[in-house]
N, C-alpha and C. Protein backbone atom coordinates (compact mmCIF):
# COMPACT_ATOMS: atom_id res chain seq x y z
N MET A 1 -2.23 29.83 -13.66
CA MET A 1 -2.81 28.66 -14.14
C MET A 1 -1.81 27.63 -14.99
N GLY A 2 -0.51 27.89 -15.33
CA GLY A 2 -0.02 26.69 -15.87
C GLY A 2 0.51 25.48 -15.15
N ALA A 3 0.22 26.35 -13.70
CA ALA A 3 0.91 25.00 -12.57
C ALA A 3 -0.27 24.11 -12.49
N LEU A 4 -1.50 24.73 -12.02
CA LEU A 4 -2.52 24.02 -11.90
C LEU A 4 -2.81 22.86 -12.92
N LYS A 5 -2.66 23.41 -14.35
CA LYS A 5 -2.85 22.23 -15.44
C LYS A 5 -1.95 21.38 -15.19
N ASP A 6 -0.94 21.47 -14.65
CA ASP A 6 0.27 20.26 -14.89
C ASP A 6 0.02 19.65 -13.72
N LEU A 7 -0.57 20.27 -12.33
CA LEU A 7 -0.98 19.31 -11.31
C LEU A 7 -2.05 18.14 -11.82
N ILE A 8 -3.19 18.74 -12.58
CA ILE A 8 -4.40 18.14 -13.41
C ILE A 8 -4.12 16.98 -14.30
N LEU A 9 -3.08 16.89 -15.01
CA LEU A 9 -2.60 16.58 -15.92
C LEU A 9 -1.52 15.52 -15.44
N ILE A 10 -0.75 15.77 -14.60
CA ILE A 10 0.08 14.29 -13.47
C ILE A 10 -1.42 13.90 -13.13
N ALA A 11 -2.52 14.67 -12.45
CA ALA A 11 -3.54 13.46 -11.54
C ALA A 11 -4.17 12.73 -12.41
N ILE A 12 -4.39 13.32 -13.80
CA ILE A 12 -5.28 12.35 -14.46
C ILE A 12 -4.17 10.94 -14.95
N GLY A 13 -3.04 11.61 -15.21
CA GLY A 13 -1.80 10.58 -15.86
C GLY A 13 -1.89 9.33 -14.93
N SER A 14 -1.80 10.16 -13.62
CA SER A 14 -1.14 8.96 -12.68
C SER A 14 -2.11 8.12 -12.25
N ALA A 15 -3.65 8.65 -12.30
CA ALA A 15 -4.68 7.73 -12.00
C ALA A 15 -5.29 6.85 -12.99
N LEU A 16 -5.32 7.48 -14.25
CA LEU A 16 -5.89 6.55 -15.32
C LEU A 16 -4.85 6.06 -16.32
N VAL A 17 -4.02 6.65 -16.85
CA VAL A 17 -3.14 6.63 -18.11
C VAL A 17 -2.13 5.57 -17.79
N SER A 18 -1.66 5.70 -16.83
CA SER A 18 -0.17 5.27 -16.11
C SER A 18 -1.00 4.66 -14.67
N ASN A 19 -2.13 3.96 -14.92
CA ASN A 19 -2.55 3.33 -13.94
C ASN A 19 -1.63 2.31 -12.92
N VAL A 20 -1.14 2.37 -11.91
CA VAL A 20 -0.35 1.78 -11.12
C VAL A 20 -0.44 0.03 -11.02
N VAL A 21 -1.75 -0.63 -11.05
CA VAL A 21 -1.88 -1.61 -11.27
C VAL A 21 -2.00 -2.53 -12.74
N LEU A 22 -2.69 -1.40 -13.34
CA LEU A 22 -3.03 -2.19 -14.74
C LEU A 22 -2.04 -1.78 -15.53
N SER A 23 -1.37 -0.40 -15.61
CA SER A 23 -0.37 -0.33 -16.98
C SER A 23 1.06 -0.74 -15.99
N GLN A 24 1.32 -0.49 -14.75
CA GLN A 24 2.80 -0.51 -14.50
C GLN A 24 2.89 -1.84 -13.64
N PHE A 25 1.67 -2.44 -13.43
CA PHE A 25 1.79 -3.88 -12.77
C PHE A 25 2.13 -4.04 -11.41
N LEU A 26 2.02 -3.12 -10.49
CA LEU A 26 2.48 -2.67 -9.16
C LEU A 26 1.47 -2.98 -8.45
N GLY A 27 1.78 -3.73 -7.23
CA GLY A 27 0.75 -4.02 -6.29
C GLY A 27 -0.67 -4.76 -6.33
N LEU A 28 -0.11 -5.76 -7.55
CA LEU A 28 -0.64 -6.86 -7.70
C LEU A 28 -1.55 -8.11 -6.60
N CYS A 29 -0.26 -7.99 -5.65
CA CYS A 29 -1.04 -9.08 -4.67
C CYS A 29 -2.09 -8.37 -3.81
N PRO A 30 -2.27 -7.41 -2.93
CA PRO A 30 -3.66 -6.86 -2.64
C PRO A 30 -4.99 -6.70 -3.67
N PHE A 31 -4.53 -6.24 -5.03
CA PHE A 31 -5.08 -5.90 -5.81
C PHE A 31 -6.17 -7.56 -6.46
N LEU A 32 -5.35 -8.56 -6.49
CA LEU A 32 -5.78 -9.87 -6.76
C LEU A 32 -6.58 -10.23 -5.51
N GLY A 33 -5.92 -10.17 -4.62
CA GLY A 33 -6.14 -11.03 -2.89
C GLY A 33 -7.36 -10.15 -2.07
N VAL A 34 -7.56 -8.81 -2.37
CA VAL A 34 -8.73 -8.23 -1.58
C VAL A 34 -9.80 -7.55 -2.30
N SER A 35 -9.90 -8.25 -3.67
CA SER A 35 -11.07 -7.72 -4.37
C SER A 35 -12.09 -8.84 -4.94
N LYS A 36 -12.27 -9.77 -3.43
CA LYS A 36 -13.15 -10.38 -3.55
C LYS A 36 -14.97 -9.84 -3.65
N LYS A 37 -15.00 -8.60 -2.31
CA LYS A 37 -15.71 -8.13 -2.12
C LYS A 37 -15.53 -6.83 -2.21
N VAL A 38 -16.88 -5.69 -2.80
CA VAL A 38 -16.75 -4.29 -3.08
C VAL A 38 -15.98 -3.52 -1.65
N GLU A 39 -16.82 -3.91 -0.62
CA GLU A 39 -16.61 -3.47 0.17
C GLU A 39 -15.21 -3.44 0.96
N THR A 40 -14.64 -4.79 1.09
CA THR A 40 -13.31 -5.01 1.41
C THR A 40 -12.14 -4.08 0.36
N ALA A 41 -12.32 -4.33 -0.64
CA ALA A 41 -11.55 -3.60 -1.97
C ALA A 41 -11.61 -1.76 -1.68
N ALA A 42 -13.17 -1.60 -0.88
CA ALA A 42 -12.94 -0.07 -1.14
C ALA A 42 -12.23 0.27 0.11
N GLY A 43 -12.53 -0.29 1.23
CA GLY A 43 -11.50 -0.40 2.52
C GLY A 43 -9.89 -0.25 2.06
N MET A 44 -9.59 -1.52 1.49
CA MET A 44 -8.42 -1.28 0.75
C MET A 44 -7.78 -0.18 -0.10
N GLY A 45 -8.88 0.40 -0.73
CA GLY A 45 -8.37 1.72 -1.52
C GLY A 45 -8.21 2.63 -0.85
N GLY A 46 -9.34 2.83 0.32
CA GLY A 46 -8.99 3.87 1.22
C GLY A 46 -7.79 3.87 1.83
N ALA A 47 -7.50 2.57 2.46
CA ALA A 47 -6.21 2.61 3.25
C ALA A 47 -4.90 2.94 2.09
N VAL A 48 -4.73 2.64 1.17
CA VAL A 48 -3.55 2.49 0.24
C VAL A 48 -3.61 4.23 -0.12
N ILE A 49 -5.18 4.63 -0.21
CA ILE A 49 -5.29 6.05 -0.45
C ILE A 49 -4.33 7.09 0.29
N PHE A 50 -4.84 6.71 1.95
CA PHE A 50 -4.11 7.11 2.95
C PHE A 50 -2.72 7.00 2.69
N VAL A 51 -2.36 5.97 3.19
CA VAL A 51 -0.70 5.65 3.12
C VAL A 51 0.25 5.99 1.87
N ILE A 52 -0.57 5.74 0.58
CA ILE A 52 0.33 6.42 -0.19
C ILE A 52 0.55 7.90 -0.04
N THR A 53 -0.71 8.92 -0.09
CA THR A 53 -0.35 9.74 -0.15
C THR A 53 0.35 10.51 0.94
N LEU A 54 0.16 10.11 2.54
CA LEU A 54 1.21 10.50 3.32
C LEU A 54 2.44 10.29 3.08
N ALA A 55 2.81 8.75 2.91
CA ALA A 55 4.00 8.69 2.69
C ALA A 55 4.73 9.61 0.97
N SER A 56 4.17 9.84 0.02
CA SER A 56 4.47 10.92 -0.77
C SER A 56 4.90 12.12 -0.17
N PHE A 57 3.94 12.63 0.90
CA PHE A 57 4.44 13.62 1.54
C PHE A 57 5.69 13.86 2.49
N VAL A 58 5.92 12.37 3.27
CA VAL A 58 6.77 12.20 4.48
C VAL A 58 7.96 11.93 3.56
N ALA A 59 7.98 11.28 2.52
CA ALA A 59 9.18 10.95 1.91
C ALA A 59 9.81 11.85 0.90
N GLY A 60 8.86 12.97 0.63
CA GLY A 60 9.22 14.15 -0.30
C GLY A 60 10.03 14.96 0.85
N LEU A 61 9.78 15.08 2.04
CA LEU A 61 10.22 16.06 2.99
C LEU A 61 11.49 15.57 3.48
N ILE A 62 11.52 14.18 3.98
CA ILE A 62 12.80 13.28 3.92
C ILE A 62 13.83 13.75 2.84
N TYR A 63 13.41 13.44 1.70
CA TYR A 63 14.65 13.30 0.56
C TYR A 63 15.12 14.80 0.70
N ARG A 64 14.15 16.07 0.51
CA ARG A 64 14.65 17.64 0.35
C ARG A 64 15.57 18.05 1.14
N PHE A 65 15.08 17.31 2.30
CA PHE A 65 15.68 18.41 3.79
C PHE A 65 16.48 17.49 4.72
N ILE A 66 16.49 16.12 4.35
CA ILE A 66 17.74 15.61 5.12
C ILE A 66 18.69 14.63 4.13
N LEU A 67 17.96 13.86 3.23
CA LEU A 67 18.82 13.10 2.09
C LEU A 67 19.86 13.91 1.27
N VAL A 68 19.04 14.96 0.60
CA VAL A 68 19.89 15.88 -0.24
C VAL A 68 20.74 16.51 0.44
N PRO A 69 20.06 17.26 1.35
CA PRO A 69 21.55 18.14 2.16
C PRO A 69 22.67 17.23 2.67
N PHE A 70 22.40 16.19 3.14
CA PHE A 70 23.66 15.34 3.89
C PHE A 70 24.15 14.35 2.93
N ASP A 71 23.79 14.58 1.44
CA ASP A 71 24.27 13.67 0.36
C ASP A 71 24.44 12.20 0.80
N ILE A 72 23.14 11.88 1.22
CA ILE A 72 22.86 10.26 1.68
C ILE A 72 21.57 9.99 1.01
N THR A 73 21.74 10.31 -0.52
CA THR A 73 20.57 10.15 -1.01
C THR A 73 20.79 8.42 -1.77
N TYR A 74 21.32 7.70 -1.34
CA TYR A 74 21.72 6.44 -1.84
C TYR A 74 20.88 5.53 -0.93
N LEU A 75 20.14 6.23 0.29
CA LEU A 75 19.56 5.60 1.34
C LEU A 75 18.13 5.91 1.03
N GLN A 76 17.67 6.34 0.01
CA GLN A 76 16.64 6.49 -0.36
C GLN A 76 15.57 5.39 -0.18
N THR A 77 15.58 4.31 -0.65
CA THR A 77 14.72 3.13 -0.81
C THR A 77 14.54 2.56 0.75
N ILE A 78 15.82 2.55 1.55
CA ILE A 78 15.67 2.01 3.07
C ILE A 78 14.71 3.08 3.60
N VAL A 79 15.39 4.36 3.66
CA VAL A 79 14.30 5.42 4.27
C VAL A 79 12.82 5.49 3.96
N PHE A 80 12.36 5.52 2.81
CA PHE A 80 11.21 5.27 2.28
C PHE A 80 10.28 4.04 2.43
N ILE A 81 11.30 2.74 2.79
CA ILE A 81 10.40 1.56 3.35
C ILE A 81 10.27 1.89 4.94
N LEU A 82 11.31 2.46 5.58
CA LEU A 82 10.91 2.51 6.73
C LEU A 82 9.72 3.49 6.77
N VAL A 83 9.61 4.61 6.51
CA VAL A 83 8.42 5.36 6.49
C VAL A 83 7.11 4.71 6.19
N ILE A 84 6.97 4.15 5.32
CA ILE A 84 5.56 3.22 4.59
C ILE A 84 5.40 2.32 5.78
N ALA A 85 6.43 1.75 6.52
CA ALA A 85 6.18 0.83 7.11
C ALA A 85 5.55 1.31 8.51
N ALA A 86 5.79 2.47 9.09
CA ALA A 86 5.16 3.25 10.14
C ALA A 86 4.03 3.45 9.96
N LEU A 87 3.88 3.72 8.59
CA LEU A 87 2.41 4.75 8.14
C LEU A 87 1.46 3.53 8.22
N VAL A 88 2.08 2.36 7.42
CA VAL A 88 1.02 1.13 7.64
C VAL A 88 0.99 0.72 9.02
N GLN A 89 1.35 0.75 9.74
CA GLN A 89 1.47 0.38 11.37
C GLN A 89 0.22 1.23 12.22
N PHE A 90 0.17 2.76 11.60
CA PHE A 90 -0.60 3.81 12.39
C PHE A 90 -1.93 3.20 11.50
N VAL A 91 -1.78 2.80 10.45
CA VAL A 91 -3.18 2.74 9.80
C VAL A 91 -4.08 1.48 10.38
N GLU A 92 -2.80 0.67 10.77
CA GLU A 92 -3.44 -1.04 10.83
C GLU A 92 -3.75 -0.86 12.68
N MET A 93 -3.23 -0.01 13.51
CA MET A 93 -3.99 0.27 14.59
C MET A 93 -5.10 1.32 14.70
N PHE A 94 -5.04 2.19 13.90
CA PHE A 94 -6.54 2.75 13.66
C PHE A 94 -7.89 2.04 13.39
N LEU A 95 -7.41 1.28 12.22
CA LEU A 95 -8.56 0.12 11.76
C LEU A 95 -8.86 -0.88 13.07
N LYS A 96 -7.98 -1.59 13.60
CA LYS A 96 -8.00 -2.13 14.66
C LYS A 96 -8.89 -1.75 15.88
N LYS A 97 -8.88 -0.83 16.20
CA LYS A 97 -9.76 0.06 17.17
C LYS A 97 -10.61 0.50 16.72
N PHE A 98 -10.96 1.19 15.49
CA PHE A 98 -12.24 2.34 15.34
C PHE A 98 -12.85 1.28 14.38
N VAL A 99 -12.60 0.41 13.18
CA VAL A 99 -13.02 -0.37 12.39
C VAL A 99 -12.55 -1.64 11.85
N VAL A 100 -13.13 -2.41 13.04
CA VAL A 100 -13.06 -3.67 13.41
C VAL A 100 -13.37 -4.62 12.14
N GLY A 101 -14.53 -4.48 11.78
CA GLY A 101 -14.97 -5.19 10.83
C GLY A 101 -13.89 -5.08 9.47
N LEU A 102 -13.75 -4.25 8.99
CA LEU A 102 -12.84 -3.81 7.86
C LEU A 102 -11.19 -4.15 8.16
N TYR A 103 -10.85 -4.12 9.51
CA TYR A 103 -9.88 -4.61 9.66
C TYR A 103 -9.32 -6.43 9.66
N GLU A 104 -10.81 -6.85 10.12
CA GLU A 104 -10.84 -8.43 10.44
C GLU A 104 -11.02 -8.79 8.50
N ALA A 105 -11.89 -8.15 7.99
CA ALA A 105 -12.06 -8.06 6.42
C ALA A 105 -10.57 -8.37 5.97
N LEU A 106 -10.15 -7.33 6.03
CA LEU A 106 -8.46 -6.86 5.02
C LEU A 106 -7.50 -8.06 5.53
N GLY A 107 -7.64 -8.45 6.71
CA GLY A 107 -7.06 -9.69 7.31
C GLY A 107 -5.22 -9.56 7.01
N VAL A 108 -4.69 -10.26 6.51
CA VAL A 108 -3.11 -10.40 5.92
C VAL A 108 -2.69 -9.24 4.96
N TYR A 109 -3.71 -8.90 4.28
CA TYR A 109 -3.53 -7.80 3.19
C TYR A 109 -3.02 -6.76 3.42
N LEU A 110 -3.49 -6.40 4.84
CA LEU A 110 -3.21 -4.89 5.41
C LEU A 110 -1.63 -4.97 5.74
N PRO A 111 -1.39 -5.96 6.55
CA PRO A 111 0.22 -5.33 6.54
C PRO A 111 0.82 -5.49 5.39
N LEU A 112 0.42 -6.09 4.32
CA LEU A 112 1.08 -6.30 3.03
C LEU A 112 1.06 -4.83 2.33
N ILE A 113 0.46 -3.94 2.58
CA ILE A 113 0.71 -2.35 2.23
C ILE A 113 2.19 -2.09 2.39
N THR A 114 2.72 -2.54 3.77
CA THR A 114 4.28 -2.23 3.81
C THR A 114 5.21 -2.47 2.63
N THR A 115 4.81 -3.87 2.09
CA THR A 115 5.46 -4.09 0.82
C THR A 115 4.88 -4.24 -0.19
N ASN A 116 4.07 -3.62 -0.65
CA ASN A 116 3.00 -3.32 -1.74
C ASN A 116 4.13 -2.20 -2.64
N CYS A 117 4.48 -2.93 -3.62
CA CYS A 117 5.74 -2.10 -4.37
C CYS A 117 4.98 -1.13 -4.99
N ALA A 118 3.72 -0.72 -5.18
CA ALA A 118 3.01 0.68 -5.50
C ALA A 118 3.41 1.78 -4.80
N VAL A 119 3.30 1.55 -2.84
CA VAL A 119 3.31 2.69 -2.30
C VAL A 119 5.37 3.08 -2.44
N LEU A 120 6.04 1.70 -2.40
CA LEU A 120 7.25 2.71 -2.83
C LEU A 120 7.59 2.68 -4.18
N GLY A 121 6.84 2.33 -5.18
CA GLY A 121 7.31 2.77 -6.56
C GLY A 121 6.69 4.37 -6.81
N VAL A 122 5.59 4.78 -5.88
CA VAL A 122 5.19 5.92 -6.23
C VAL A 122 6.33 7.02 -5.59
N ALA A 123 6.77 6.45 -4.37
CA ALA A 123 8.30 7.55 -3.48
C ALA A 123 9.03 7.86 -4.78
N LEU A 124 9.44 6.35 -4.99
CA LEU A 124 10.80 6.64 -5.98
C LEU A 124 10.55 6.95 -7.05
N ASN A 125 9.36 7.16 -7.77
CA ASN A 125 9.07 8.11 -9.17
C ASN A 125 9.13 9.37 -8.83
N ASN A 126 8.50 10.05 -7.86
CA ASN A 126 8.53 11.34 -7.13
C ASN A 126 9.95 11.41 -7.36
N VAL A 127 11.06 10.96 -6.91
CA VAL A 127 12.56 11.23 -6.76
C VAL A 127 12.92 11.24 -8.32
N LYS A 128 12.39 9.98 -9.11
CA LYS A 128 12.99 9.68 -10.37
C LYS A 128 12.60 11.18 -11.20
N TYR A 129 11.36 11.63 -10.96
CA TYR A 129 10.76 12.89 -11.81
C TYR A 129 10.97 13.72 -11.11
N ASP A 130 11.65 13.95 -10.52
CA ASP A 130 12.18 15.70 -9.57
C ASP A 130 10.68 16.38 -9.09
N TYR A 131 9.88 15.54 -8.50
CA TYR A 131 8.88 16.50 -8.48
C TYR A 131 8.97 16.54 -7.00
N ASN A 132 8.44 18.25 -7.08
CA ASN A 132 8.52 18.80 -5.80
C ASN A 132 7.52 18.40 -4.50
N ILE A 133 7.46 18.55 -3.41
CA ILE A 133 6.82 18.18 -2.86
C ILE A 133 5.00 18.33 -3.10
N LEU A 134 4.58 19.36 -3.07
CA LEU A 134 3.41 19.53 -3.78
C LEU A 134 2.91 18.42 -4.90
N THR A 135 3.58 18.52 -6.04
CA THR A 135 3.69 17.70 -7.05
C THR A 135 3.61 16.15 -7.01
N GLY A 136 4.46 15.81 -5.73
CA GLY A 136 4.63 14.39 -5.51
C GLY A 136 3.36 14.06 -4.46
N VAL A 137 2.97 15.13 -3.96
CA VAL A 137 1.95 14.34 -3.27
C VAL A 137 0.80 14.38 -3.86
N VAL A 138 0.59 15.06 -5.04
CA VAL A 138 -0.69 15.27 -5.93
C VAL A 138 -0.58 13.98 -6.90
N ASN A 139 0.56 13.33 -7.18
CA ASN A 139 1.28 12.34 -7.86
C ASN A 139 0.61 10.91 -7.24
N GLY A 140 1.17 10.92 -5.78
CA GLY A 140 0.84 9.82 -4.92
C GLY A 140 -0.73 9.88 -4.58
N PHE A 141 -1.42 10.81 -4.37
CA PHE A 141 -3.09 11.01 -4.08
C PHE A 141 -3.28 10.21 -5.33
N ALA A 142 -3.16 10.74 -6.60
CA ALA A 142 -4.20 10.36 -7.84
C ALA A 142 -3.70 8.98 -7.77
N THR A 143 -2.11 8.22 -7.74
CA THR A 143 -1.86 6.99 -8.10
C THR A 143 -2.40 6.05 -7.26
N ALA A 144 -2.86 6.44 -5.88
CA ALA A 144 -3.79 5.76 -5.03
C ALA A 144 -5.08 5.55 -5.61
N VAL A 145 -5.46 6.72 -6.10
CA VAL A 145 -7.12 6.81 -6.33
C VAL A 145 -7.25 5.71 -7.54
N GLY A 146 -6.09 5.79 -8.40
CA GLY A 146 -6.13 4.93 -9.96
C GLY A 146 -6.14 3.53 -8.83
N PHE A 147 -5.60 3.28 -8.25
CA PHE A 147 -5.45 2.06 -7.47
C PHE A 147 -6.57 1.59 -7.08
N ALA A 148 -7.32 2.60 -6.16
CA ALA A 148 -8.80 2.12 -5.49
C ALA A 148 -9.66 1.62 -7.05
N ILE A 149 -9.59 2.77 -7.97
CA ILE A 149 -10.78 2.68 -9.02
C ILE A 149 -10.36 1.27 -9.58
N ALA A 150 -9.46 0.63 -9.95
CA ALA A 150 -8.85 -0.76 -10.30
C ALA A 150 -9.03 -1.92 -9.68
N ILE A 151 -9.01 -1.49 -8.23
CA ILE A 151 -9.38 -2.59 -7.43
C ILE A 151 -11.13 -2.50 -7.30
N ILE A 152 -11.74 -1.51 -7.00
CA ILE A 152 -13.31 -1.57 -6.81
C ILE A 152 -13.88 -2.25 -7.90
N ILE A 153 -13.02 -2.03 -9.27
CA ILE A 153 -14.04 -2.48 -10.43
C ILE A 153 -13.85 -3.66 -10.42
N LEU A 154 -12.58 -4.47 -10.28
CA LEU A 154 -12.53 -5.56 -10.05
C LEU A 154 -13.35 -6.77 -9.00
N ALA A 155 -13.16 -5.79 -8.11
CA ALA A 155 -14.60 -6.60 -6.88
C ALA A 155 -15.73 -6.28 -7.60
N GLY A 156 -16.04 -5.73 -8.10
CA GLY A 156 -17.57 -5.52 -8.71
C GLY A 156 -17.69 -6.57 -9.69
N LEU A 157 -16.82 -7.02 -10.58
CA LEU A 157 -17.03 -7.76 -11.78
C LEU A 157 -16.75 -9.25 -11.31
N ARG A 158 -16.14 -9.51 -9.97
CA ARG A 158 -16.02 -10.39 -9.55
C ARG A 158 -17.14 -11.28 -8.81
N GLU A 159 -17.69 -9.57 -8.31
CA GLU A 159 -18.89 -10.20 -7.40
C GLU A 159 -20.09 -10.78 -8.39
N LYS A 160 -20.03 -10.13 -9.38
CA LYS A 160 -20.86 -10.30 -10.91
C LYS A 160 -20.70 -11.65 -11.27
N MET A 161 -19.46 -11.91 -11.33
CA MET A 161 -19.03 -13.63 -11.91
C MET A 161 -19.49 -14.71 -11.03
N GLU A 162 -19.23 -14.53 -9.68
CA GLU A 162 -20.09 -15.46 -8.60
C GLU A 162 -21.48 -16.18 -9.45
N PHE A 163 -21.91 -15.78 -10.12
CA PHE A 163 -23.30 -16.13 -10.38
C PHE A 163 -23.56 -16.48 -11.88
N ASN A 164 -22.58 -16.30 -12.36
CA ASN A 164 -22.18 -16.74 -13.98
C ASN A 164 -21.68 -18.33 -13.97
N ASP A 165 -22.12 -18.92 -15.14
CA ASP A 165 -21.49 -20.42 -15.14
C ASP A 165 -20.30 -20.30 -16.06
N ILE A 166 -19.06 -20.76 -15.27
CA ILE A 166 -18.01 -20.40 -15.85
C ILE A 166 -17.27 -22.13 -16.14
N PRO A 167 -16.60 -22.10 -17.07
CA PRO A 167 -16.08 -23.41 -17.41
C PRO A 167 -15.42 -23.78 -15.70
N GLU A 168 -15.04 -25.16 -15.71
CA GLU A 168 -14.62 -25.60 -14.63
C GLU A 168 -13.07 -24.68 -14.13
N PRO A 169 -12.18 -25.28 -15.88
CA PRO A 169 -10.89 -24.75 -15.64
C PRO A 169 -10.81 -23.37 -15.54
N PHE A 170 -11.46 -22.54 -15.65
CA PHE A 170 -11.61 -20.91 -15.37
C PHE A 170 -11.90 -20.54 -13.87
N LYS A 171 -12.37 -21.26 -13.25
CA LYS A 171 -12.78 -20.62 -12.24
C LYS A 171 -12.01 -20.79 -11.32
N GLY A 172 -12.23 -19.55 -10.23
CA GLY A 172 -10.98 -19.02 -9.43
C GLY A 172 -10.10 -18.34 -9.81
N MET A 173 -9.30 -18.34 -9.73
CA MET A 173 -7.88 -17.29 -10.09
C MET A 173 -8.11 -17.14 -11.60
N PRO A 174 -7.71 -18.27 -12.34
CA PRO A 174 -7.74 -18.32 -13.79
C PRO A 174 -8.51 -17.19 -14.67
N ILE A 175 -9.71 -17.28 -14.18
CA ILE A 175 -11.13 -15.95 -14.69
C ILE A 175 -10.68 -14.52 -14.21
N VAL A 176 -9.77 -14.40 -12.67
CA VAL A 176 -9.60 -13.38 -12.25
C VAL A 176 -8.83 -12.57 -12.74
N LEU A 177 -7.64 -13.28 -13.36
CA LEU A 177 -6.51 -12.78 -14.26
C LEU A 177 -6.90 -12.40 -15.52
N ILE A 178 -7.73 -13.49 -16.12
CA ILE A 178 -8.23 -12.90 -17.67
C ILE A 178 -8.89 -11.60 -17.62
N THR A 179 -9.74 -11.31 -16.08
CA THR A 179 -10.41 -10.42 -15.93
C THR A 179 -9.45 -9.17 -15.80
N ALA A 180 -8.46 -9.29 -14.93
CA ALA A 180 -7.67 -8.20 -14.85
C ALA A 180 -6.58 -7.93 -16.31
N GLY A 181 -6.48 -8.96 -16.87
CA GLY A 181 -6.41 -8.34 -18.09
C GLY A 181 -6.61 -7.75 -19.14
N LEU A 182 -8.22 -7.98 -19.45
CA LEU A 182 -9.17 -7.16 -20.17
C LEU A 182 -9.17 -5.74 -19.51
N MET A 183 -9.49 -5.68 -18.30
CA MET A 183 -9.17 -4.20 -17.49
C MET A 183 -7.95 -3.75 -17.81
N ALA A 184 -6.87 -4.45 -18.45
CA ALA A 184 -5.68 -3.39 -18.25
C ALA A 184 -5.84 -3.22 -19.79
N ILE A 185 -6.26 -4.13 -20.63
CA ILE A 185 -6.26 -3.37 -22.40
C ILE A 185 -7.36 -2.32 -22.27
N ALA A 186 -8.38 -2.61 -21.17
CA ALA A 186 -9.00 -1.06 -21.38
C ALA A 186 -8.74 -0.08 -21.12
N PHE A 187 -7.79 -0.21 -19.98
CA PHE A 187 -7.25 0.90 -19.21
C PHE A 187 -5.72 1.62 -20.86
N CYS A 188 -5.53 0.91 -21.15
CA CYS A 188 -4.45 1.27 -22.47
C CYS A 188 -5.26 1.92 -23.53
N GLY A 189 -6.67 2.15 -23.55
CA GLY A 189 -7.34 3.10 -24.20
C GLY A 189 -7.29 4.84 -23.80
N PHE A 190 -7.12 5.00 -22.42
CA PHE A 190 -6.69 6.06 -22.12
C PHE A 190 -5.07 6.78 -22.57
N SER A 191 -4.07 5.90 -22.79
CA SER A 191 -3.11 6.43 -23.38
C SER A 191 -3.19 6.62 -24.56
N GLY A 192 -3.96 6.05 -25.18
CA GLY A 192 -3.94 6.19 -27.07
C GLY A 192 -3.32 4.92 -27.66
N LEU A 193 -2.94 3.78 -26.82
CA LEU A 193 -2.25 2.99 -27.69
C LEU A 193 -3.19 2.01 -28.46
N LEU A 194 -4.64 2.13 -28.43
CA LEU A 194 -5.18 1.57 -28.75
C LEU A 194 -6.14 2.19 -30.65
């Protein structure tokens, strides 16, 4: 029962308290670039959930059963980047074949998941905190869900802001950055900072 409680606490902490975008400021490029419409934001969130969860699992296996036994843990960053790049290619081929509309809507931001520092950050944090494979996968999944929550909320707010009378200097990216900052302040409430 204690192990399940720990997994739940890690999941809630990763998704809300230490939100990868709003608390750690990782993955801002797709967060700001793909959050214009809720549909594309949800698609990006789904792709990131898939990639981070699978990357956490595969990176955990490679780290535990190859890098540690052969004492080559100094290669972890390079290996994790290769794993992430392969997974993103898989997601890109799948979307191009079966979900063409979403593939075209995500555009250049889909390959950017490869260089999304949130994906690599999760894999490296799993090693840093010495998570076992199950805990690492739970952490990865919850972190990705937190990313999806944040990007979908921002997309919803951006859709609503299209109909607002915004002063000229704040139109476009300035108001998006202000909104993201206010979201970050709101998410700080989960950690008890306020």
